[in-house]
Protein backbone atom coordinates (compact mmCIF):
# COMPACT_ATOMS: atom_id res chain seq x y z
CA UNK A 1 -7.27 6.07 1.73
CA UNK A 2 -6.03 6.42 5.23
CA UNK A 3 -7.11 10.12 5.18
CA UNK A 4 -10.25 9.37 3.44
CA UNK A 5 -11.05 6.63 5.89
CA UNK A 6 -10.61 9.06 8.85
CA UNK A 7 -12.67 11.79 7.32
CA UNK A 8 -15.43 9.38 6.63
CA UNK A 9 -15.55 7.96 10.21
CA UNK A 10 -15.22 11.62 11.81
CA UNK A 11 -18.10 12.92 9.61
CA UNK A 12 -20.03 9.93 10.71
CA UNK A 13 -19.62 10.97 14.33
CA UNK A 14 -20.90 14.53 13.44
CA UNK A 15 -17.55 16.32 13.29
CA UNK A 16 -17.07 19.30 10.71
CA UNK A 17 -14.31 17.89 8.71
CA UNK A 18 -12.11 19.39 6.09
CA UNK A 19 -9.87 17.03 3.90
CA UNK A 20 -6.73 18.61 2.77
CA UNK A 21 -4.89 16.67 -0.23
CA UNK A 22 -1.64 17.67 -1.66
CA UNK A 23 -2.25 16.26 -5.16
CA UNK A 24 -4.79 17.40 -7.81
CA UNK A 25 -6.90 14.43 -7.05
CA UNK A 26 -7.77 12.02 -4.13
CA UNK A 27 -6.25 8.61 -3.66
CA UNK A 28 -2.49 8.60 -2.88
CA UNK A 29 -1.34 5.36 -3.34
CA UNK A 30 -4.72 4.22 -4.43
CA UNK A 31 -5.08 6.71 -7.04
CA UNK A 32 -5.84 6.15 -10.81
CA UNK A 33 -4.26 7.32 -13.88
CA UNK A 34 -4.77 7.06 -17.60
CA UNK A 35 -2.56 4.49 -19.08
CA UNK A 36 -3.00 4.35 -23.05
CA UNK A 37 -6.72 4.49 -23.75
CA UNK A 38 -7.98 3.21 -20.27
CA UNK A 39 -7.91 4.46 -16.90
CA UNK A 40 -6.97 2.24 -13.74
CA UNK A 41 -4.76 2.14 -10.42
CA UNK A 42 -1.55 3.70 -10.61
CA UNK A 43 -0.23 0.94 -8.33
CA UNK A 44 -1.52 -2.52 -8.07
CA UNK A 45 -4.32 -3.19 -5.37
CA UNK A 46 -6.87 -6.35 -4.84
CA UNK A 47 -9.30 -6.94 -2.10
CA UNK A 48 -9.14 -10.39 -0.45
CA UNK A 49 -12.24 -12.07 1.13
CA UNK A 50 -10.75 -11.54 4.43
CA UNK A 51 -10.55 -7.62 4.26
CA UNK A 52 -13.49 -7.16 6.26
CA UNK A 53 -12.95 -3.61 7.14
CA UNK A 54 -12.51 -2.48 3.61
CA UNK A 55 -15.52 -4.58 2.47
CA UNK A 56 -17.56 -2.97 5.35
CA UNK A 57 -16.56 0.65 3.88
CA UNK A 58 -17.43 -0.42 0.40
CA UNK A 59 -20.77 -1.62 1.69
CA UNK A 60 -21.45 1.60 3.32
CA UNK A 61 -21.05 3.53 -0.02
CA UNK A 62 -22.88 0.75 -2.00
CA UNK A 63 -19.93 -0.68 -3.87
CA UNK A 64 -19.37 -4.17 -1.97
CA UNK A 65 -21.90 -5.68 -4.08
CA UNK A 66 -20.24 -4.70 -7.13
CA UNK A 67 -16.99 -6.86 -6.34
CA UNK A 68 -15.94 -9.27 -8.99
CA UNK A 69 -14.19 -12.27 -7.20
CA UNK A 70 -11.77 -14.36 -9.07
CA UNK A 71 -9.68 -17.52 -8.13
CA UNK A 72 -6.05 -16.87 -8.83
CA UNK A 73 -2.78 -18.65 -9.73
CA UNK A 74 0.56 -18.02 -8.60
CA UNK A 75 4.03 -18.55 -10.55
CA UNK A 76 7.56 -18.91 -9.32
CA UNK A 77 10.35 -17.74 -11.51
CA UNK A 78 13.72 -19.72 -10.59
CA UNK A 79 16.71 -20.88 -12.73
CA UNK A 80 15.35 -19.07 -15.80
CA UNK A 81 12.17 -21.33 -15.76
CA UNK A 82 8.44 -20.35 -14.85
CA UNK A 83 6.77 -22.82 -12.51
CA UNK A 84 3.29 -22.86 -11.38
CA UNK A 85 2.76 -22.88 -7.49
CA UNK A 86 -1.03 -22.61 -7.56
CA UNK A 87 -1.83 -25.91 -5.75
CA UNK A 88 -0.62 -28.49 -3.19
CA UNK A 89 0.23 -30.54 -6.35
CA UNK A 90 2.32 -27.91 -7.81
CA UNK A 91 4.18 -27.47 -4.81
CA UNK A 92 4.89 -31.12 -4.24
CA UNK A 93 6.56 -31.37 -7.72
CA UNK A 94 8.30 -27.92 -7.44
CA UNK A 95 11.85 -28.87 -9.04
CA UNK A 96 14.09 -26.10 -7.22
CA UNK A 97 13.40 -27.62 -3.84
CA UNK A 98 14.11 -31.30 -2.73
CA UNK A 99 11.20 -33.15 -0.83
CA UNK A 100 12.96 -32.22 2.45
CA UNK A 101 13.25 -28.56 1.70
CA UNK A 102 9.81 -28.66 0.75
CA UNK A 103 8.66 -29.95 3.94
CA UNK A 104 10.74 -27.47 5.98
CA UNK A 105 9.22 -24.58 3.64
CA UNK A 106 5.66 -25.82 4.23
CA UNK A 107 6.21 -26.47 7.86
CA UNK A 108 7.46 -22.81 8.19
CA UNK A 109 4.39 -21.48 6.43
CA UNK A 110 1.96 -23.38 8.42
CA UNK A 111 3.79 -22.59 11.90
CA UNK A 112 3.63 -19.04 11.03
CA UNK A 113 0.08 -18.94 10.28
CA UNK A 114 -0.68 -20.18 13.60
CA UNK A 115 1.36 -17.65 15.58
CA UNK A 116 -0.58 -14.62 17.13
CA UNK A 117 2.10 -12.94 19.26
CA UNK A 118 3.45 -10.42 16.56
CA UNK A 119 5.38 -8.58 19.33
CA UNK A 120 7.74 -11.49 20.17
CA UNK A 121 8.36 -11.73 16.48
CA UNK A 122 9.55 -7.97 16.49
CA UNK A 123 12.52 -9.00 18.43
CA UNK A 124 13.92 -11.35 16.15
CA UNK A 125 15.65 -10.63 12.78
CA UNK A 126 13.75 -12.17 9.96
CA UNK A 127 16.73 -14.13 8.39
CA UNK A 128 17.67 -15.56 11.72
CA UNK A 129 14.16 -16.73 12.15
CA UNK A 130 13.68 -18.33 8.89
CA UNK A 131 17.01 -19.95 8.85
CA UNK A 132 16.17 -21.55 12.16
CA UNK A 133 12.41 -22.59 10.69
CA UNK A 134 13.46 -23.65 7.20
CA UNK A 135 16.97 -24.64 7.49
CA UNK A 136 20.03 -23.01 5.67
CA UNK A 137 19.49 -24.35 2.21
CA UNK A 138 15.90 -23.78 1.93
CA UNK A 139 16.59 -20.17 3.36
CA UNK A 140 19.31 -19.45 0.76
CA UNK A 141 17.20 -21.04 -2.22
CA UNK A 142 13.90 -19.32 -1.37
CA UNK A 143 13.69 -16.93 1.56
CA UNK A 144 16.86 -15.05 0.95
CA UNK A 145 16.11 -14.16 -2.68
CA UNK A 146 12.67 -13.03 -1.97
CA UNK A 147 13.85 -10.63 0.96
CA UNK A 148 16.52 -9.31 -1.18
CA UNK A 149 14.00 -8.61 -3.81
CA UNK A 150 11.64 -6.97 -1.43
CA UNK A 151 13.96 -5.17 0.78
CA UNK A 152 17.43 -5.12 -0.77
CA UNK A 153 20.21 -5.27 2.25
CA UNK A 154 17.56 -3.67 4.61
CA UNK A 155 16.35 -7.20 5.13
CA UNK A 156 19.21 -7.55 7.80
CA UNK A 157 17.53 -4.82 9.85
CA UNK A 158 14.03 -6.28 9.53
CA UNK A 159 12.04 -8.22 12.17
CA UNK A 160 10.56 -11.63 11.64
CA UNK A 161 7.02 -9.79 11.99
CA UNK A 162 7.31 -8.70 8.35
CA UNK A 163 7.20 -12.01 6.84
CA UNK A 164 4.66 -13.40 9.38
CA UNK A 165 2.18 -10.59 8.34
CA UNK A 166 2.25 -11.57 4.64
CA UNK A 167 1.62 -15.22 5.74
CA UNK A 168 -1.05 -14.32 8.30
CA UNK A 169 -2.98 -12.23 5.42
CA UNK A 170 -2.85 -14.98 3.04
CA UNK A 171 -4.09 -17.64 5.56
CA UNK A 172 -6.90 -15.25 6.61
CA UNK A 173 -8.02 -15.04 3.04
CA UNK A 174 -8.18 -18.70 2.61
CA UNK A 175 -9.94 -19.41 6.09
CA UNK A 176 -12.66 -16.80 5.18
CA UNK A 177 -13.41 -18.41 1.81
CA UNK A 178 -13.35 -21.64 0.05
CA UNK A 179 -9.75 -22.64 0.89
CA UNK A 180 -8.53 -21.07 -2.36
CA UNK A 181 -7.09 -17.56 -3.21
CA UNK A 182 -9.97 -15.33 -4.28
CA UNK A 183 -9.20 -11.89 -5.05
CA UNK A 184 -11.52 -9.22 -5.90
CA UNK A 185 -11.79 -5.74 -7.44
CA UNK A 186 -14.58 -3.05 -7.97
CA UNK A 187 -15.07 -2.55 -11.79
CA UNK A 188 -13.49 0.87 -12.69
CA UNK A 189 -10.89 0.13 -9.92
CA UNK A 190 -9.98 2.68 -7.23
CA UNK A 191 -11.05 5.46 -9.52
CA UNK A 192 -14.70 4.49 -9.07
CA UNK A 193 -14.18 3.92 -5.30
CA UNK A 194 -12.66 7.29 -4.82
CA UNK A 195 -15.32 9.05 -6.79
CA UNK A 196 -18.19 7.51 -4.86
CA UNK A 197 -16.33 7.86 -1.52
CA UNK A 198 -15.56 11.58 -2.29
CA UNK A 199 -19.25 12.15 -3.10
CA UNK A 200 -20.38 10.28 -0.19
CA UNK A 201 -18.16 12.40 2.15
CA UNK A 202 -19.43 15.64 0.80
CA UNK A 203 -22.83 14.44 1.30
CA UNK A 204 -22.01 14.10 4.90
CA UNK A 205 -21.02 17.84 5.13
CA UNK A 206 -17.15 17.25 4.72
CA UNK A 207 -15.16 19.50 2.68
CA UNK A 208 -12.51 18.47 0.36
CA UNK A 209 -9.67 20.59 -0.89
CA UNK A 210 -7.28 19.01 -3.54
CA UNK A 211 -4.05 20.81 -4.46
CA UNK A 212 -3.74 21.80 -0.74
CA UNK A 213 -0.33 20.76 0.70
CA UNK A 214 -0.01 21.32 4.08
CA UNK A 215 3.34 23.22 5.05
CA UNK A 216 2.87 24.29 8.55
CA UNK A 217 0.57 23.33 11.61
CA UNK A 218 1.10 25.51 14.71
CA UNK A 219 -1.01 26.12 17.90
CA UNK A 220 -2.30 29.53 18.10
CA UNK A 221 -1.32 30.86 21.61
CA UNK A 222 -4.37 33.29 21.82
CA UNK A 223 -7.24 30.98 20.35
CA UNK A 224 -5.63 27.84 21.44
CA UNK A 225 -6.76 26.58 18.06
CA UNK A 226 -4.32 24.79 15.28
CA UNK A 227 -3.47 27.17 12.60
CA UNK A 228 -2.88 25.32 9.43
CA UNK A 229 -1.14 26.77 6.42
CA UNK A 230 -1.86 25.03 2.99
CA UNK A 231 -1.81 25.33 -0.71
CA UNK A 232 0.85 27.07 -2.97
CA UNK A 233 1.36 30.49 -4.60
CA UNK A 234 -1.62 32.55 -4.80
CA UNK A 235 -3.72 29.67 -3.42
CA UNK A 236 -1.62 29.79 -0.08
CA UNK A 237 -3.93 30.32 2.88
CA UNK A 238 -4.37 29.71 6.66
CA UNK A 239 -7.19 28.39 8.56
CA UNK A 240 -7.92 27.60 12.19
CA UNK A 241 -9.07 24.11 13.35
CA UNK A 242 -9.96 22.51 16.83
CA UNK A 243 -8.27 19.28 15.81
CA UNK A 244 -5.68 18.33 13.26
CA UNK A 245 -5.04 14.74 12.09
CA UNK A 246 -1.88 14.35 10.03
CA UNK A 247 -1.94 11.13 7.73
CA UNK A 248 1.09 11.79 5.73
CA UNK A 249 4.54 10.17 5.93
CA UNK A 250 6.65 10.90 9.06
CA UNK A 251 9.29 12.91 7.39
CA UNK A 252 6.54 15.49 6.15
CA UNK A 253 4.81 15.49 9.60
CA UNK A 254 8.48 16.56 11.15
CA UNK A 255 8.82 19.37 8.72
CA UNK A 256 5.32 20.71 9.03
CA UNK A 257 4.75 20.39 12.75
CA UNK A 258 7.25 22.61 14.28
CA UNK A 259 5.80 22.37 17.79
CA UNK A 260 6.71 18.56 18.43
CA UNK A 261 9.11 17.75 21.14
CA UNK A 262 12.53 16.28 20.56
CA UNK A 263 11.33 12.62 21.39
CA UNK A 264 8.48 12.80 19.10
CA UNK A 265 11.05 14.13 16.07
CA UNK A 266 13.42 11.51 16.82
CA UNK A 267 10.82 8.87 16.52
CA UNK A 268 9.64 10.35 13.41
CA UNK A 269 12.71 10.45 11.83
CA UNK A 270 13.62 7.16 13.07
CA UNK A 271 11.19 5.54 10.43
CA UNK A 272 13.04 4.11 7.49
CA UNK A 273 10.52 4.12 4.44
CA UNK A 274 10.39 1.54 1.76
CA UNK A 275 9.33 2.97 -1.75
CA UNK A 276 8.60 1.76 -5.15
CA UNK A 277 9.26 2.27 -8.74
CA UNK A 278 6.42 0.75 -10.66
CA UNK A 279 6.11 0.32 -14.28
CA UNK A 280 2.52 -0.24 -15.66
CA UNK A 281 2.15 -2.00 -19.22
CA UNK A 282 -0.84 -2.70 -21.37
CA UNK A 283 -0.62 -5.62 -23.37
CA UNK A 284 -2.75 -7.21 -26.11
CA UNK A 285 -2.33 -10.70 -24.57
CA UNK A 286 -1.66 -12.22 -21.19
CA UNK A 287 2.01 -13.05 -20.20
CA UNK A 288 1.43 -16.32 -18.41
CA UNK A 289 -1.86 -15.97 -16.62
CA UNK A 290 -0.42 -15.85 -12.96
CA UNK A 291 -1.57 -13.00 -10.88
CA UNK A 292 1.76 -12.93 -8.99
CA UNK A 293 4.96 -14.33 -10.14
CA UNK A 294 7.64 -14.46 -7.47
CA UNK A 295 11.40 -14.03 -8.63
CA UNK A 296 14.35 -15.57 -6.93
CA UNK A 297 16.77 -15.19 -9.80
CA UNK A 298 19.18 -12.37 -8.80
CA UNK A 299 19.62 -10.93 -12.45
CA UNK A 300 16.03 -9.94 -12.61
CA UNK A 301 15.81 -6.33 -11.55
CA UNK A 302 12.22 -6.54 -10.40
CA UNK A 303 10.53 -7.54 -7.15
CA UNK A 304 7.82 -9.47 -8.92
CA UNK A 305 5.55 -9.75 -11.74
CA UNK A 306 1.86 -8.58 -11.25
CA UNK A 307 -0.63 -9.84 -14.08
CA UNK A 308 -3.59 -7.63 -13.24
CA UNK A 309 -5.09 -8.89 -16.40
CA UNK A 310 -5.36 -12.34 -14.59
CA UNK A 311 -7.98 -10.75 -12.32
CA UNK A 312 -9.46 -7.79 -14.22
CA UNK A 313 -11.87 -8.62 -17.05
CA UNK A 314 -10.31 -7.19 -20.34
CA UNK A 315 -13.81 -5.49 -20.96
CA UNK A 316 -12.72 -2.95 -18.25
CA UNK A 317 -9.50 -2.29 -19.67
CA UNK A 318 -10.55 -1.62 -23.27
CA UNK A 319 -9.68 -5.24 -24.24
CA UNK A 320 -6.19 -5.07 -22.91
CA UNK A 321 -4.19 -6.93 -20.23
CA UNK A 322 -2.51 -4.98 -17.33
CA UNK A 323 0.76 -5.86 -16.06
CA UNK A 324 2.73 -4.12 -13.11
CA UNK A 325 6.41 -4.39 -12.79
CA UNK A 326 7.25 -3.26 -9.23
CA UNK A 327 10.82 -2.59 -7.74
CA UNK A 328 10.82 -1.92 -4.13
CA UNK A 329 13.67 0.20 -2.86
CA UNK A 330 14.60 2.25 0.06
CA UNK A 331 13.39 5.79 0.02
CA UNK A 332 16.95 7.32 -0.39
CA UNK A 333 17.93 5.06 -3.36
CA UNK A 334 19.36 6.95 -6.29
CA UNK A 335 17.37 4.55 -8.62
CA UNK A 336 14.16 7.00 -7.97
CA UNK A 337 15.93 9.44 -10.06
CA UNK A 338 16.62 7.09 -13.16
CA UNK A 339 14.63 8.50 -16.46
CA UNK A 340 11.41 6.60 -17.67
CA UNK A 341 13.61 5.58 -20.67
CA UNK A 342 16.06 3.70 -18.98
CA UNK A 343 13.43 1.99 -16.71
CA UNK A 344 11.19 1.05 -19.53
CA UNK A 345 14.14 -0.35 -21.60
CA UNK A 346 15.31 -2.52 -18.80
CA UNK A 347 11.74 -3.78 -17.85
CA UNK A 348 11.04 -4.68 -21.53
CA UNK A 349 14.44 -6.57 -21.97
CA UNK A 350 13.53 -8.25 -18.76
CA UNK A 351 10.38 -9.41 -19.94
CA UNK A 352 11.94 -10.79 -23.13
CA UNK A 353 14.33 -12.84 -21.44
CA UNK A 354 11.76 -14.27 -18.81
CA UNK A 355 9.03 -14.90 -21.46
CA UNK A 356 10.07 -16.63 -24.88
CA UNK A 357 6.84 -15.52 -26.43
CA UNK A 358 6.75 -11.80 -25.55
CA UNK A 359 7.22 -9.20 -28.05
CA UNK A 360 7.54 -5.58 -27.67
CA UNK A 361 4.84 -5.09 -30.45
CA UNK A 362 2.26 -6.40 -27.91
CA UNK A 363 2.86 -3.53 -25.71
CA UNK A 364 -0.11 -0.88 -26.15
CA UNK A 365 1.11 1.42 -23.32
CA UNK A 366 3.97 1.76 -20.93
CA UNK A 367 4.37 4.24 -17.94
CA UNK A 368 6.29 4.30 -14.72
CA UNK A 369 5.06 5.72 -11.25
CA UNK A 370 7.29 6.48 -8.28
CA UNK A 371 6.40 6.76 -4.55
CA UNK A 372 9.15 7.04 -2.05
CA UNK A 373 7.20 6.81 1.03
CA UNK A 374 5.12 3.57 0.81
CA UNK A 375 5.64 1.52 4.15
CA UNK A 376 7.85 1.95 7.10
CA UNK A 377 10.37 -0.63 7.33
CA UNK A 378 9.53 -3.04 10.20
CA UNK A 379 12.73 -2.95 11.98
CA UNK A 380 13.46 -4.87 15.31
CA UNK A 381 11.16 -3.60 18.16
CA UNK A 382 9.48 -1.36 15.69
CA UNK A 383 6.30 -0.93 17.72
CA UNK A 384 8.16 0.35 20.59
CA UNK A 385 9.68 3.19 18.74
CA UNK A 386 6.66 4.93 17.04
CA UNK A 387 5.62 8.28 18.09
CA UNK A 388 2.17 8.16 19.87
CA UNK A 389 -0.90 9.14 18.07
CA UNK A 390 -1.70 11.59 20.71
CA UNK A 391 1.19 13.90 20.62
CA UNK A 392 2.63 16.85 22.94
CA UNK A 393 0.65 19.31 20.94
CA UNK A 394 -2.92 19.62 22.19
CA UNK A 395 -5.43 18.62 19.32
CA UNK A 396 -2.74 17.47 16.89
CA UNK A 397 -2.91 13.70 16.24
CA UNK A 398 -0.20 11.63 14.10
CA UNK A 399 -1.97 8.81 12.35
CA UNK A 400 -0.08 7.64 9.08
CA UNK A 401 0.74 4.31 7.74
CA UNK A 402 3.74 3.77 9.87
CA UNK A 403 1.11 2.89 12.58
CA UNK A 404 0.56 -0.27 10.80
CA UNK A 405 2.38 -2.54 13.15
CA UNK A 406 0.28 -5.89 13.10
CA UNK A 407 0.30 -6.61 9.51
CA UNK A 408 1.60 -5.48 6.09
CA UNK A 409 0.55 -2.18 4.64
CA UNK A 410 -2.69 -2.72 2.41
CA UNK A 411 -5.98 -0.71 2.53
CA UNK A 412 -7.68 -3.11 4.86
CA UNK A 413 -4.95 -2.41 7.34
CA UNK A 414 -5.22 1.12 7.13
CA UNK A 415 -8.61 1.36 7.85
CA UNK A 416 -8.15 -0.89 10.72
CA UNK A 417 -5.87 1.32 12.45
CA UNK A 418 -8.17 4.43 11.84
CA UNK A 419 -11.10 2.81 13.37
CA UNK A 420 -9.01 1.55 16.30
CA UNK A 421 -7.34 4.85 16.86
CA UNK A 422 -10.44 6.80 16.60
CA UNK A 423 -12.02 4.70 19.16
CA UNK A 424 -8.84 4.68 21.47
CA UNK A 425 -7.06 8.04 21.01
CA UNK A 426 -8.78 10.61 18.82
CA UNK A 427 -12.43 10.44 19.70
CA UNK A 428 -12.74 7.93 22.65
CA UNK A 429 -16.14 9.62 23.57
CA UNK A 430 -18.31 9.26 20.78
CA UNK A 431 -20.62 11.65 22.15
CA UNK A 432 -17.62 14.46 22.18
CA UNK A 433 -18.86 17.92 21.19
CA UNK A 434 -18.62 18.98 17.56
CA UNK A 435 -15.42 20.14 16.69
CA UNK A 436 -13.68 21.54 13.40
CA UNK A 437 -11.16 18.94 12.27
CA UNK A 438 -8.63 19.20 9.50
CA UNK A 439 -7.11 16.13 7.91
CA UNK A 440 -4.01 16.28 5.87
CA UNK A 441 -3.66 13.48 3.42
CA UNK A 442 -1.05 14.57 1.22
CA UNK A 443 0.29 12.02 -1.53
CA UNK A 444 3.79 12.66 -2.84
CA UNK A 445 3.93 10.51 -6.08
CA UNK A 446 5.93 11.21 -9.09
CA UNK A 447 5.01 9.54 -12.42
CA UNK A 448 5.46 9.76 -15.90
CA UNK A 449 1.84 10.56 -16.53
CA UNK A 450 1.57 14.20 -17.54
CA UNK A 451 -2.02 14.42 -17.24
CA UNK A 452 -3.29 12.79 -13.99
CA UNK A 453 -6.72 11.31 -14.11
CA UNK A 454 -9.08 13.87 -12.47
CA UNK A 455 -12.04 12.94 -10.24
CA UNK A 456 -15.24 13.92 -11.85
CA UNK A 457 -17.26 16.72 -10.29
CA UNK A 458 -20.49 14.93 -10.84
CA UNK A 459 -20.87 11.40 -9.43
CA UNK A 460 -24.09 9.29 -9.47
CA UNK A 461 -23.64 7.27 -6.39
């Protein structure tokens, strides 16, 4: 979506845009696939009331009015038991914490929601900050298990800005709505969004080339243009552009852009990426009805339980309930190489232990997707170590998800950095002369789906 949003805004400014996507279909982390007899997002996504940038983009392509808004509930799995944490009353009677610990936890969240100096938080380790605000016992009961579930031991290198960004986003959602968690989705999921946005891009004159991984970007010494090599085998080709925007993960930029200086390379390689192994299940009934269930029991080999069926009407899922079982890992973790069979057995065994009423006969389909480069780990002083968007190679711009510094990674944040950097760095003069621009929007995702859902050629937008 970062590459698509960049293409959309540049085409809006009258630029001649070519979007180069490595995968057979658009979308990357927001891409769709076929799961059993239905098609939905490969990874889980929702829209919040406070996602104003995303909602504005959806409005421009005629989809914002289609969003279905649903009030959600939150679960918490602790000590082998499932609790509701969907209201203030639920929080007050939450057994794992004493009244004093609840006060410390609540005051931490409220205090964090009022902070605006996120850069100051970048200088403080997240565990040190949470221990100070919540106290040792509350930290060890709640925060530490959650940090380990999301980051593993990498939490020790993570700044307090990481947890602040999550709290800030959820509070924005409540401030912009009815003080309740209202999550939304477009019927058809991101598959429909990508279809309509792709068609709208082409109507603006943009060219879209899928199955076109970019392998090299160099500046031609004669024409002074950027020479882009993309494609594979017989489809391998080279084209020249006035400008190139790389929206791919930092390690891929480093390999493709050989003209960068040593400082830029060091900063690209310094980014530590968090990835995810995410198993999707189609069930014939809900698990517990919570959109998200946070897990603090260390034996559970999952970051959490996401019941998309608590939001998405079963009519859009062929009568089924969709569940995501994510496990976040550092990009170099060997668990990415585990077979689907091993992962599926572990997931099913875990659900049997967590939910007494769950039976394997309820599973209509199960598949696993893997993505090594989901988000850059927000380490201490992270924003001070990023490579600049405008780099040492004239006409080359480095604009990827690693540039998200003021929030957690989600579609709304990626659109925000696109619009900010287009105004400040890439197209500061909206009346700039028309140039030919290439956007490398590669997605490197491995899944157990042998036949990825392809975008339809004809779309009624």
